[in-house]
C-alpha atoms as a PDB file:
ATOM      1  CA  MET A   1     -73.626 -54.658 -27.130  1.00  0.00           C
ATOM      2  CA  ALA A   2     -71.081 -55.099 -29.906  1.00  0.00           C
ATOM      3  CA  THR A   3     -69.758 -58.585 -30.436  1.00  0.00           C
ATOM      4  CA  GLY A   4     -66.218 -59.572 -31.365  1.00  0.00           C
ATOM      5  CA  LYS A   5     -67.411 -60.237 -34.901  1.00  0.00           C
ATOM      6  CA  ASP A   6     -68.957 -56.751 -35.107  1.00  0.00           C
ATOM      7  CA  ARG A   7     -65.686 -55.246 -33.939  1.00  0.00           C
ATOM      8  CA  GLN A   8     -63.762 -57.213 -36.597  1.00  0.00           C
ATOM      9  CA  LYS A   9     -66.106 -55.940 -39.290  1.00  0.00           C
ATOM     10  CA  GLN A  10     -65.672 -52.370 -38.084  1.00  0.00           C
ATOM     11  CA  LEU A  11     -61.874 -52.681 -38.084  1.00  0.00           C
ATOM     12  CA  ALA A  12     -61.921 -54.200 -41.549  1.00  0.00           C
ATOM     13  CA  ARG A  13     -64.150 -51.383 -42.805  1.00  0.00           C
ATOM     14  CA  GLU A  14     -61.902 -48.720 -41.266  1.00  0.00           C
ATOM     15  CA  HIS A  15     -58.835 -50.388 -42.795  1.00  0.00           C
ATOM     16  CA  HIS A  16     -60.482 -50.444 -46.210  1.00  0.00           C
ATOM     17  CA  GLU A  17     -61.459 -46.754 -45.892  1.00  0.00           C
ATOM     18  CA  ARG A  18     -57.879 -45.810 -44.991  1.00  0.00           C
ATOM     19  CA  GLN A  19     -56.555 -47.726 -47.998  1.00  0.00           C
ATOM     20  CA  LEU A  20     -59.090 -46.081 -50.303  1.00  0.00           C
ATOM     21  CA  LYS A  21     -58.235 -42.636 -48.938  1.00  0.00           C
ATOM     22  CA  ARG A  22     -54.519 -43.243 -49.516  1.00  0.00           C
ATOM     23  CA  ARG A  23     -55.199 -44.468 -53.055  1.00  0.00           C
ATOM     24  CA  ILE A  24     -57.248 -41.369 -53.854  1.00  0.00           C
ATOM     25  CA  GLU A  25     -54.553 -39.108 -52.401  1.00  0.00           C
ATOM     26  CA  ARG A  26     -51.927 -40.872 -54.512  1.00  0.00           C
ATOM     27  CA  GLU A  27     -54.011 -40.504 -57.654  1.00  0.00           C
ATOM     28  CA  GLN A  28     -54.605 -36.830 -56.940  1.00  0.00           C
ATOM     29  CA  LYS A  29     -50.875 -36.254 -56.588  1.00  0.00           C
ATOM     30  CA  ALA A  30     -50.146 -38.347 -59.626  1.00  0.00           C
ATOM     31  CA  LYS A  31     -52.491 -36.427 -61.804  1.00  0.00           C
ATOM     32  CA  LYS A  32     -49.991 -36.376 -64.624  1.00  0.00           C
ATOM     33  CA  LEU A  33     -51.138 -38.239 -67.641  1.00  0.00           C
ATOM     34  CA  ALA A  34     -48.648 -40.563 -69.056  1.00  0.00           C
ATOM     35  CA  VAL A  35     -48.728 -41.918 -72.447  1.00  0.00           C
ATOM     36  CA  VAL A  36     -51.758 -42.531 -72.319  1.00  0.00           C
ATOM     37  CA  GLY A  37     -53.298 -40.139 -70.129  1.00  0.00           C
ATOM     38  CA  SER A  38     -56.856 -39.210 -70.053  1.00  0.00           C
ATOM     39  CA  THR A  39     -58.249 -37.139 -67.384  1.00  0.00           C
ATOM     40  CA  VAL A  40     -55.625 -37.885 -64.913  1.00  0.00           C
ATOM     41  CA  GLY A  41     -52.428 -39.708 -65.355  1.00  0.00           C
ATOM     42  CA  VAL A  42     -51.146 -42.539 -67.268  1.00  0.00           C
ATOM     43  CA  ILE A  43     -48.816 -45.342 -66.759  1.00  0.00           C
ATOM     44  CA  VAL A  44     -48.339 -47.535 -69.683  1.00  0.00           C
ATOM     45  CA  VAL A  45     -45.854 -50.250 -70.161  1.00  0.00           C
ATOM     46  CA  VAL A  46     -43.850 -50.592 -73.228  1.00  0.00           C
ATOM     47  CA  GLY A  47     -41.524 -53.499 -73.491  1.00  0.00           C
ATOM     48  CA  GLY A  48     -41.115 -53.633 -69.760  1.00  0.00           C
ATOM     49  CA  ILE A  49     -40.485 -49.955 -69.249  1.00  0.00           C
ATOM     50  CA  VAL A  50     -42.985 -48.151 -67.238  1.00  0.00           C
ATOM     51  CA  ALA A  51     -43.789 -45.149 -69.201  1.00  0.00           C
ATOM     52  CA  ALA A  52     -45.535 -42.871 -66.844  1.00  0.00           C
ATOM     53  CA  THR A  53     -46.191 -39.577 -68.272  1.00  0.00           C
ATOM     54  CA  ALA A  54     -46.881 -36.207 -67.473  1.00  0.00           C
ATOM     55  CA  LEU A  55     -50.128 -36.818 -65.833  1.00  0.00           C
ATOM     56  CA  LEU A  56     -49.140 -39.563 -63.715  1.00  0.00           C
ATOM     57  CA  GLY A  57     -45.985 -38.669 -62.124  1.00  0.00           C
ATOM     58  CA  GLY A  58     -46.520 -36.221 -59.385  1.00  0.00           C
ATOM     59  CA  ASP A  59     -45.303 -38.034 -56.319  1.00  0.00           C
ATOM     60  CA  SER A  60     -42.283 -40.171 -55.622  1.00  0.00           C
ATOM     61  CA  GLU A  61     -44.223 -43.367 -56.110  1.00  0.00           C
ATOM     62  CA  SER A  62     -45.490 -42.444 -59.556  1.00  0.00           C
ATOM     63  CA  THR A  63     -42.257 -40.810 -60.582  1.00  0.00           C
ATOM     64  CA  ALA A  64     -40.418 -44.021 -59.866  1.00  0.00           C
ATOM     65  CA  ALA A  65     -42.724 -45.651 -62.353  1.00  0.00           C
ATOM     66  CA  ALA A  66     -42.018 -43.011 -64.921  1.00  0.00           C
ATOM     67  CA  ALA A  67     -40.550 -45.190 -67.551  1.00  0.00           C
ATOM     68  CA  SER A  68     -43.306 -47.373 -68.814  1.00  0.00           C
ATOM     69  CA  PRO A  69     -47.026 -48.104 -69.096  1.00  0.00           C
ATOM     70  CA  THR A  70     -48.485 -51.384 -67.841  1.00  0.00           C
ATOM     71  CA  PRO A  71     -46.356 -54.411 -67.227  1.00  0.00           C
ATOM     72  CA  SER A  72     -46.415 -56.703 -70.211  1.00  0.00           C
ATOM     73  CA  ALA A  73     -46.110 -60.442 -69.904  1.00  0.00           C
ATOM     74  CA  GLY A  74     -42.725 -61.388 -68.565  1.00  0.00           C
ATOM     75  CA  ALA A  75     -41.764 -57.810 -67.826  1.00  0.00           C
ATOM     76  CA  PRO A  76     -40.440 -56.902 -64.377  1.00  0.00           C
ATOM     77  CA  THR A  77     -42.972 -55.292 -62.090  1.00  0.00           C
ATOM     78  CA  PRO A  78     -42.280 -51.540 -62.049  1.00  0.00           C
ATOM     79  CA  GLU A  79     -41.805 -49.790 -58.739  1.00  0.00           C
ATOM     80  CA  GLY A  80     -44.924 -47.751 -59.101  1.00  0.00           C
ATOM     81  CA  SER A  81     -47.294 -50.569 -59.930  1.00  0.00           C
ATOM     82  CA  PRO A  82     -50.030 -51.699 -57.541  1.00  0.00           C
ATOM     83  CA  THR A  83     -49.068 -53.401 -54.306  1.00  0.00           C
ATOM     84  CA  PRO A  84     -51.344 -55.267 -51.911  1.00  0.00           C
ATOM     85  CA  GLU A  85     -51.902 -51.977 -50.120  1.00  0.00           C
ATOM     86  CA  ASN A  86     -53.122 -50.000 -53.079  1.00  0.00           C
ATOM     87  CA  THR A  87     -55.077 -52.672 -54.866  1.00  0.00           C
ATOM     88  CA  VAL A  88     -58.193 -51.853 -52.868  1.00  0.00           C
ATOM     89  CA  THR A  89     -61.559 -52.064 -54.547  1.00  0.00           C
ATOM     90  CA  PRO A  90     -61.979 -48.768 -56.434  1.00  0.00           C
ATOM     91  CA  ALA A  91     -65.080 -46.644 -56.098  1.00  0.00           C
ATOM     92  CA  ALA A  92     -67.809 -47.510 -58.562  1.00  0.00           C
ATOM     93  CA  GLY A  93     -66.662 -46.300 -61.954  1.00  0.00           C
ATOM     94  CA  PRO A  94     -68.459 -45.576 -65.212  1.00  0.00           C
ATOM     95  CA  LYS A  95     -70.336 -48.499 -66.706  1.00  0.00           C
ATOM     96  CA  ALA A  96     -69.857 -49.928 -70.163  1.00  0.00           C
ATOM     97  CA  PHE A  97     -72.254 -49.135 -72.985  1.00  0.00           C
ATOM     98  CA  ASP A  98     -75.721 -50.593 -72.434  1.00  0.00           C
ATOM     99  CA  ALA A  99     -76.835 -51.781 -75.861  1.00  0.00           C
ATOM    100  CA  LYS A 100     -80.387 -52.495 -74.683  1.00  0.00           C
ATOM    101  CA  THR A 101     -81.058 -48.906 -73.644  1.00  0.00           C
ATOM    102  CA  GLY A 102     -78.508 -47.225 -75.910  1.00  0.00           C
ATOM    103  CA  THR A 103     -76.931 -45.573 -72.888  1.00  0.00           C
ATOM    104  CA  CYS A 104     -73.366 -44.476 -72.165  1.00  0.00           C
ATOM    105  CA  ASP A 105     -72.124 -43.679 -68.682  1.00  0.00           C
ATOM    106  CA  TYR A 106     -70.030 -40.540 -68.203  1.00  0.00           C
ATOM    107  CA  VAL A 107     -68.917 -39.761 -64.656  1.00  0.00           C
ATOM    108  CA  ALA A 108     -68.005 -36.246 -63.527  1.00  0.00           C
ATOM    109  CA  ASP A 109     -64.325 -35.935 -62.594  1.00  0.00           C
ATOM    110  CA  GLU A 110     -62.864 -32.638 -61.406  1.00  0.00           C
ATOM    111  CA  MET A 111     -59.327 -33.922 -60.831  1.00  0.00           C
ATOM    112  CA  GLY A 112     -56.453 -32.238 -62.654  1.00  0.00           C
ATOM    113  CA  SER A 113     -56.704 -29.109 -64.790  1.00  0.00           C
ATOM    114  CA  VAL A 114     -60.224 -29.192 -66.123  1.00  0.00           C
ATOM    115  CA  LYS A 115     -61.645 -27.507 -69.196  1.00  0.00           C
ATOM    116  CA  ASN A 116     -65.248 -28.257 -68.436  1.00  0.00           C
ATOM    117  CA  VAL A 117     -67.606 -28.250 -71.401  1.00  0.00           C
ATOM    118  CA  GLY A 118     -70.260 -30.400 -69.748  1.00  0.00           C
ATOM    119  CA  LEU A 119     -71.100 -34.088 -70.103  1.00  0.00           C
ATOM    120  CA  PRO A 120     -71.707 -35.791 -73.453  1.00  0.00           C
ATOM    121  CA  PRO A 121     -75.275 -36.978 -74.068  1.00  0.00           C
ATOM    122  CA  LYS A 122     -75.770 -40.387 -72.490  1.00  0.00           C
ATOM    123  CA  LYS A 123     -78.456 -41.645 -74.852  1.00  0.00           C
ATOM    124  CA  ILE A 124     -76.962 -42.432 -78.231  1.00  0.00           C
ATOM    125  CA  LYS A 125     -77.785 -44.134 -81.507  1.00  0.00           C
ATOM    126  CA  PRO A 126     -74.594 -45.896 -82.617  1.00  0.00           C
ATOM    127  CA  LYS A 127     -75.649 -45.992 -86.271  1.00  0.00           C
ATOM    128  CA  LYS A 128     -75.892 -42.193 -86.291  1.00  0.00           C
ATOM    129  CA  LEU A 129     -72.466 -41.596 -84.781  1.00  0.00           C
ATOM    130  CA  PRO A 130     -69.722 -40.209 -87.045  1.00  0.00           C
ATOM    131  CA  ALA A 131     -67.481 -42.562 -88.980  1.00  0.00           C
ATOM    132  CA  THR A 132     -64.502 -40.234 -89.347  1.00  0.00           C
ATOM    133  CA  LEU A 133     -62.667 -37.636 -87.280  1.00  0.00           C
ATOM    134  CA  THR A 134     -60.330 -35.039 -88.772  1.00  0.00           C
ATOM    135  CA  PHE A 135     -57.761 -33.080 -86.777  1.00  0.00           C
ATOM    136  CA  LYS A 136     -56.818 -29.935 -88.661  1.00  0.00           C
ATOM    137  CA  THR A 137     -53.350 -29.221 -87.297  1.00  0.00           C
ATOM    138  CA  SER A 138     -50.517 -26.774 -87.853  1.00  0.00           C
ATOM    139  CA  GLN A 139     -48.733 -29.611 -89.694  1.00  0.00           C
ATOM    140  CA  GLY A 140     -51.650 -30.656 -91.886  1.00  0.00           C
ATOM    141  CA  ASP A 141     -54.748 -32.843 -91.571  1.00  0.00           C
ATOM    142  CA  ILE A 142     -54.777 -36.097 -89.640  1.00  0.00           C
ATOM    143  CA  GLU A 143     -57.806 -38.208 -90.487  1.00  0.00           C
ATOM    144  CA  ILE A 144     -59.126 -41.065 -88.389  1.00  0.00           C
ATOM    145  CA  LYS A 145     -61.520 -43.844 -89.344  1.00  0.00           C
ATOM    146  CA  LEU A 146     -63.448 -44.385 -86.116  1.00  0.00           C
ATOM    147  CA  ASN A 147     -64.307 -47.724 -84.489  1.00  0.00           C
ATOM    148  CA  THR A 148     -67.862 -46.546 -84.025  1.00  0.00           C
ATOM    149  CA  ASP A 149     -69.394 -50.004 -83.648  1.00  0.00           C
ATOM    150  CA  LYS A 150     -66.888 -51.219 -81.047  1.00  0.00           C
ATOM    151  CA  ALA A 151     -66.309 -47.990 -79.124  1.00  0.00           C
ATOM    152  CA  PRO A 152     -69.599 -46.063 -79.389  1.00  0.00           C
ATOM    153  CA  CYS A 153     -69.341 -44.173 -76.102  1.00  0.00           C
ATOM    154  CA  THR A 154     -65.776 -43.072 -76.805  1.00  0.00           C
ATOM    155  CA  VAL A 155     -66.695 -41.934 -80.311  1.00  0.00           C
ATOM    156  CA  ASN A 156     -69.734 -40.113 -78.924  1.00  0.00           C
ATOM    157  CA  ALA A 157     -67.522 -38.314 -76.391  1.00  0.00           C
ATOM    158  CA  LEU A 158     -64.969 -37.318 -79.038  1.00  0.00           C
ATOM    159  CA  ALA A 159     -67.710 -35.986 -81.316  1.00  0.00           C
ATOM    160  CA  PHE A 160     -69.144 -34.019 -78.391  1.00  0.00           C
ATOM    161  CA  LEU A 161     -65.752 -32.516 -77.499  1.00  0.00           C
ATOM    162  CA  ALA A 162     -65.125 -31.654 -81.159  1.00  0.00           C
ATOM    163  CA  GLU A 163     -68.476 -29.897 -81.414  1.00  0.00           C
ATOM    164  CA  LYS A 164     -67.692 -27.885 -78.271  1.00  0.00           C
ATOM    165  CA  GLY A 165     -64.330 -26.776 -79.666  1.00  0.00           C
ATOM    166  CA  TYR A 166     -62.610 -28.464 -76.737  1.00  0.00           C
ATOM    167  CA  TYR A 167     -59.460 -29.377 -78.661  1.00  0.00           C
ATOM    168  CA  ASP A 168     -59.193 -26.131 -80.651  1.00  0.00           C
ATOM    169  CA  GLY A 169     -55.866 -24.428 -80.045  1.00  0.00           C
ATOM    170  CA  SER A 170     -54.435 -27.299 -77.984  1.00  0.00           C
ATOM    171  CA  LYS A 171     -50.944 -28.689 -78.562  1.00  0.00           C
ATOM    172  CA  CYS A 172     -49.745 -32.270 -78.601  1.00  0.00           C
ATOM    173  CA  HIS A 173     -47.536 -32.386 -75.535  1.00  0.00           C
ATOM    174  CA  ARG A 174     -45.683 -35.687 -75.581  1.00  0.00           C
ATOM    175  CA  LEU A 175     -43.641 -37.375 -78.289  1.00  0.00           C
ATOM    176  CA  GLY A 176     -42.225 -40.854 -77.861  1.00  0.00           C
ATOM    177  CA  ASN A 177     -39.168 -42.500 -79.340  1.00  0.00           C
ATOM    178  CA  ALA A 178     -38.133 -45.731 -81.082  1.00  0.00           C
ATOM    179  CA  GLN A 179     -39.153 -47.765 -78.029  1.00  0.00           C
ATOM    180  CA  PHE A 180     -42.351 -45.815 -77.496  1.00  0.00           C
ATOM    181  CA  PRO A 181     -43.463 -44.496 -80.898  1.00  0.00           C
ATOM    182  CA  MET A 182     -46.473 -42.311 -80.235  1.00  0.00           C
ATOM    183  CA  LEU A 183     -47.604 -38.698 -80.103  1.00  0.00           C
ATOM    184  CA  GLN A 184     -49.913 -37.840 -77.193  1.00  0.00           C
ATOM    185  CA  CYS A 185     -52.443 -35.031 -77.448  1.00  0.00           C
ATOM    186  CA  GLY A 186     -55.753 -33.963 -75.950  1.00  0.00           C
ATOM    187  CA  ASP A 187     -54.724 -31.841 -72.948  1.00  0.00           C
ATOM    188  CA  PRO A 188     -56.156 -28.377 -73.698  1.00  0.00           C
ATOM    189  CA  THR A 189     -53.988 -26.818 -70.985  1.00  0.00           C
ATOM    190  CA  ALA A 190     -50.623 -28.203 -72.158  1.00  0.00           C
ATOM    191  CA  LYS A 191     -47.932 -25.702 -73.163  1.00  0.00           C
ATOM    192  CA  ALA A 192     -45.817 -28.286 -75.022  1.00  0.00           C
ATOM    193  CA  ASP A 193     -42.744 -26.061 -74.774  1.00  0.00           C
ATOM    194  CA  GLY A 194     -40.482 -28.431 -72.876  1.00  0.00           C
ATOM    195  CA  LYS A 195     -40.983 -26.450 -69.676  1.00  0.00           C
ATOM    196  CA  GLY A 196     -44.527 -27.256 -68.648  1.00  0.00           C
ATOM    197  CA  GLU A 197     -44.384 -29.802 -65.840  1.00  0.00           C
ATOM    198  CA  ALA A 198     -48.168 -29.705 -65.718  1.00  0.00           C
ATOM    199  CA  ASP A 199     -48.504 -30.875 -69.315  1.00  0.00           C
ATOM    200  CA  GLY A 200     -50.720 -33.921 -69.391  1.00  0.00           C
ATOM    201  CA  GLN A 201     -52.833 -32.905 -66.417  1.00  0.00           C
ATOM    202  CA  GLY A 202     -55.706 -31.452 -68.410  1.00  0.00           C
ATOM    203  CA  GLY A 203     -59.027 -33.200 -68.758  1.00  0.00           C
ATOM    204  CA  PRO A 204     -62.658 -32.635 -69.770  1.00  0.00           C
ATOM    205  CA  GLY A 205     -64.238 -32.923 -66.325  1.00  0.00           C
ATOM    206  CA  PHE A 206     -65.561 -36.424 -66.983  1.00  0.00           C
ATOM    207  CA  ARG A 207     -64.339 -39.972 -67.442  1.00  0.00           C
ATOM    208  CA  MET A 208     -65.725 -43.076 -69.100  1.00  0.00           C
ATOM    209  CA  ALA A 209     -65.262 -46.827 -69.336  1.00  0.00           C
ATOM    210  CA  GLU A 210     -62.703 -48.319 -71.711  1.00  0.00           C
ATOM    211  CA  GLU A 211     -64.042 -50.053 -74.837  1.00  0.00           C
ATOM    212  CA  ASN A 212     -62.899 -52.351 -77.640  1.00  0.00           C
ATOM    213  CA  LEU A 213     -60.195 -53.980 -75.499  1.00  0.00           C
ATOM    214  CA  GLN A 214     -60.574 -57.598 -76.557  1.00  0.00           C
ATOM    215  CA  GLY A 215     -57.545 -58.450 -78.668  1.00  0.00           C
ATOM    216  CA  ALA A 216     -56.478 -54.798 -78.717  1.00  0.00           C
ATOM    217  CA  THR A 217     -53.029 -54.070 -80.151  1.00  0.00           C
ATOM    218  CA  TYR A 218     -51.252 -50.776 -80.666  1.00  0.00           C
ATOM    219  CA  LYS A 219     -49.635 -50.981 -84.079  1.00  0.00           C
ATOM    220  CA  ARG A 220     -48.609 -48.230 -86.464  1.00  0.00           C
ATOM    221  CA  GLY A 221     -51.668 -46.205 -87.430  1.00  0.00           C
ATOM    222  CA  VAL A 222     -53.741 -46.791 -84.292  1.00  0.00           C
ATOM    223  CA  MET A 223     -55.400 -43.969 -82.357  1.00  0.00           C
ATOM    224  CA  ALA A 224     -56.086 -44.956 -78.754  1.00  0.00           C
ATOM    225  CA  MET A 225     -57.248 -43.202 -75.625  1.00  0.00           C
ATOM    226  CA  ALA A 226     -55.007 -42.395 -72.683  1.00  0.00           C
ATOM    227  CA  LYS A 227     -55.930 -43.292 -69.116  1.00  0.00           C
ATOM    228  CA  THR A 228     -54.518 -43.933 -65.663  1.00  0.00           C
ATOM    229  CA  MET A 229     -53.734 -47.394 -64.317  1.00  0.00           C
ATOM    230  CA  ALA A 230     -57.236 -47.619 -62.856  1.00  0.00           C
ATOM    231  CA  PRO A 231     -60.109 -48.761 -65.088  1.00  0.00           C
ATOM    232  CA  GLY A 232     -62.802 -46.295 -66.079  1.00  0.00           C
ATOM    233  CA  THR A 233     -60.450 -43.298 -66.331  1.00  0.00           C
ATOM    234  CA  THR A 234     -60.530 -42.558 -70.052  1.00  0.00           C
ATOM    235  CA  GLY A 235     -61.058 -38.854 -70.706  1.00  0.00           C
ATOM    236  CA  SER A 236     -60.018 -36.536 -73.532  1.00  0.00           C
ATOM    237  CA  GLN A 237     -56.360 -37.406 -74.043  1.00  0.00           C
ATOM    238  CA  PHE A 238     -55.311 -39.774 -76.796  1.00  0.00           C
ATOM    239  CA  PHE A 239     -52.196 -41.055 -78.520  1.00  0.00           C
ATOM    240  CA  LEU A 240     -51.380 -41.578 -82.184  1.00  0.00           C
ATOM    241  CA  VAL A 241     -49.100 -44.526 -82.881  1.00  0.00           C
ATOM    242  CA  TYR A 242     -46.485 -44.239 -85.634  1.00  0.00           C
ATOM    243  CA  GLY A 243     -44.661 -47.491 -84.819  1.00  0.00           C
ATOM    244  CA  ASP A 244     -45.595 -50.625 -82.898  1.00  0.00           C
ATOM    245  CA  ILE A 245     -46.062 -50.446 -79.115  1.00  0.00           C
ATOM    246  CA  GLY A 246     -46.258 -53.538 -76.929  1.00  0.00           C
ATOM    247  CA  LEU A 247     -48.885 -52.223 -74.538  1.00  0.00           C
ATOM    248  CA  SER A 248     -51.283 -54.391 -72.609  1.00  0.00           C
ATOM    249  CA  PRO A 249     -54.875 -54.164 -73.951  1.00  0.00           C
ATOM    250  CA  ASP A 250     -56.063 -51.516 -71.506  1.00  0.00           C
ATOM    251  CA  TYR A 251     -56.422 -48.449 -73.723  1.00  0.00           C
ATOM    252  CA  THR A 252     -59.435 -47.963 -75.979  1.00  0.00           C
ATOM    253  CA  PRO A 253     -58.423 -48.306 -79.665  1.00  0.00           C
ATOM    254  CA  VAL A 254     -60.831 -45.722 -81.014  1.00  0.00           C
ATOM    255  CA  GLY A 255     -59.741 -45.552 -84.616  1.00  0.00           C
ATOM    256  CA  THR A 256     -57.200 -45.957 -87.413  1.00  0.00           C
ATOM    257  CA  ILE A 257     -55.188 -43.180 -89.033  1.00  0.00           C
ATOM    258  CA  THR A 258     -56.035 -43.029 -92.740  1.00  0.00           C
ATOM    259  CA  LYS A 259     -54.207 -39.782 -93.506  1.00  0.00           C
ATOM    260  CA  GLY A 260     -51.383 -38.007 -91.719  1.00  0.00           C
ATOM    261  CA  LEU A 261     -48.937 -40.750 -90.776  1.00  0.00           C
ATOM    262  CA  ASP A 262     -46.330 -38.822 -92.753  1.00  0.00           C
ATOM    263  CA  ILE A 263     -46.913 -35.916 -90.359  1.00  0.00           C
ATOM    264  CA  LEU A 264     -46.198 -38.143 -87.378  1.00  0.00           C
ATOM    265  CA  ASP A 265     -43.044 -39.454 -89.065  1.00  0.00           C
ATOM    266  CA  LYS A 266     -41.887 -35.889 -89.670  1.00  0.00           C
ATOM    267  CA  VAL A 267     -42.550 -34.867 -86.071  1.00  0.00           C
ATOM    268  CA  ASN A 268     -40.814 -37.982 -84.815  1.00  0.00           C
ATOM    269  CA  LYS A 269     -37.740 -37.291 -86.953  1.00  0.00           C
ATOM    270  CA  ALA A 270     -37.366 -33.824 -85.419  1.00  0.00           C
ATOM    271  CA  GLY A 271     -37.287 -35.301 -81.913  1.00  0.00           C
ATOM    272  CA  VAL A 272     -38.107 -33.703 -78.559  1.00  0.00           C
ATOM    273  CA  ILE A 273     -37.166 -30.312 -77.139  1.00  0.00           C
ATOM    274  CA  THR A 274     -35.951 -31.781 -73.866  1.00  0.00           C
ATOM    275  CA  PRO A 275     -36.706 -35.207 -72.414  1.00  0.00           C
ATOM    276  CA  GLY A 276     -39.508 -34.780 -69.899  1.00  0.00           C
ATOM    277  CA  PRO A 277     -39.809 -35.782 -66.228  1.00  0.00           C
ATOM    278  CA  ALA A 278     -40.970 -39.301 -67.061  1.00  0.00           C
ATOM    279  CA  GLY A 279     -37.322 -40.291 -67.534  1.00  0.00           C
ATOM    280  CA  ASP A 280     -38.105 -42.427 -70.579  1.00  0.00           C
ATOM    281  CA  GLY A 281     -36.828 -40.102 -73.290  1.00  0.00           C
ATOM    282  CA  THR A 282     -40.253 -38.751 -74.192  1.00  0.00           C
ATOM    283  CA  GLY A 283     -40.985 -35.029 -74.167  1.00  0.00           C
ATOM    284  CA  ALA A 284     -42.575 -32.099 -75.965  1.00  0.00           C
ATOM    285  CA  PRO A 285     -41.973 -32.354 -79.726  1.00  0.00           C
ATOM    286  CA  LYS A 286     -39.595 -29.897 -81.398  1.00  0.00           C
ATOM    287  CA  GLU A 287     -41.895 -29.842 -84.397  1.00  0.00           C
ATOM    288  CA  SER A 288     -44.954 -28.335 -82.713  1.00  0.00           C
ATOM    289  CA  VAL A 289     -48.337 -29.852 -83.505  1.00  0.00           C
ATOM    290  CA  GLU A 290     -51.249 -27.575 -82.692  1.00  0.00           C
ATOM    291  CA  ILE A 291     -54.810 -28.760 -83.222  1.00  0.00           C
ATOM    292  CA  LYS A 292     -56.596 -25.908 -84.956  1.00  0.00           C
ATOM    293  CA  SER A 293     -59.988 -27.578 -85.080  1.00  0.00           C
ATOM    294  CA  VAL A 294     -61.670 -30.991 -85.153  1.00  0.00           C
ATOM    295  CA  THR A 295     -64.459 -32.055 -87.485  1.00  0.00           C
ATOM    296  CA  THR A 296     -66.507 -35.254 -87.772  1.00  0.00           C
ATOM    297  CA  SER A 297     -68.411 -36.821 -90.637  1.00  0.00           C
END
């Protein structure tokens, strides 16, 4: 015979399951990657503006947040940020790098528009990972010095995607502005023509834990990974910073641009085709940037 305490536990469990279901439904709808969008959507906060991007702005709740990324200290709480109802405990996400076993954790994720090339190898040797990444683009080469020691699993994933030709032929789909100076790329399905509402929804079919967050800043020259508001949602999308962005330290700084900042300045100067649905002035760049191929060394 069930006791009153058993009944309370059951009700609490059912309540938690309903909350989790609603959160998952919201994330599925909001599969539009914002600035910083990885496999799903992104909401980043820049100077108090919620910059939600393409991937994260599918429903009314996420669209309302479409003007910034993650509330910074002292910034007003954006409409789309977590409330007591949606701050339920998320399902177990990918684990951080295990230095003892040399193991990364990549979790399958079929949300959004997926270009599935498989999962990166989980067993890695950090000292054998590449030190540089080069994007050969329609505008010229953009070279990145990778933070291999501090973000080994992210670097391993990028090297894997490069080897698979995942980024080949993809276009950078979101350009920022003076308040949000970055160029977002990494969605292989993006049209980047100012008309594609689905731009930013593409992902690699897996997600991973964020790395190198302690003391992370997003200054001119940083390459960082996009993600949703939830932890453990980094995928294939990334953003290249050509100014200084006041983001909270939630996005993996995976490297530093050593060549190609002039390209970003040129693209920035040309502006956007049409401001996108995020409502923050960002949009597809007029000066198209297509990634022809990616090499590592």
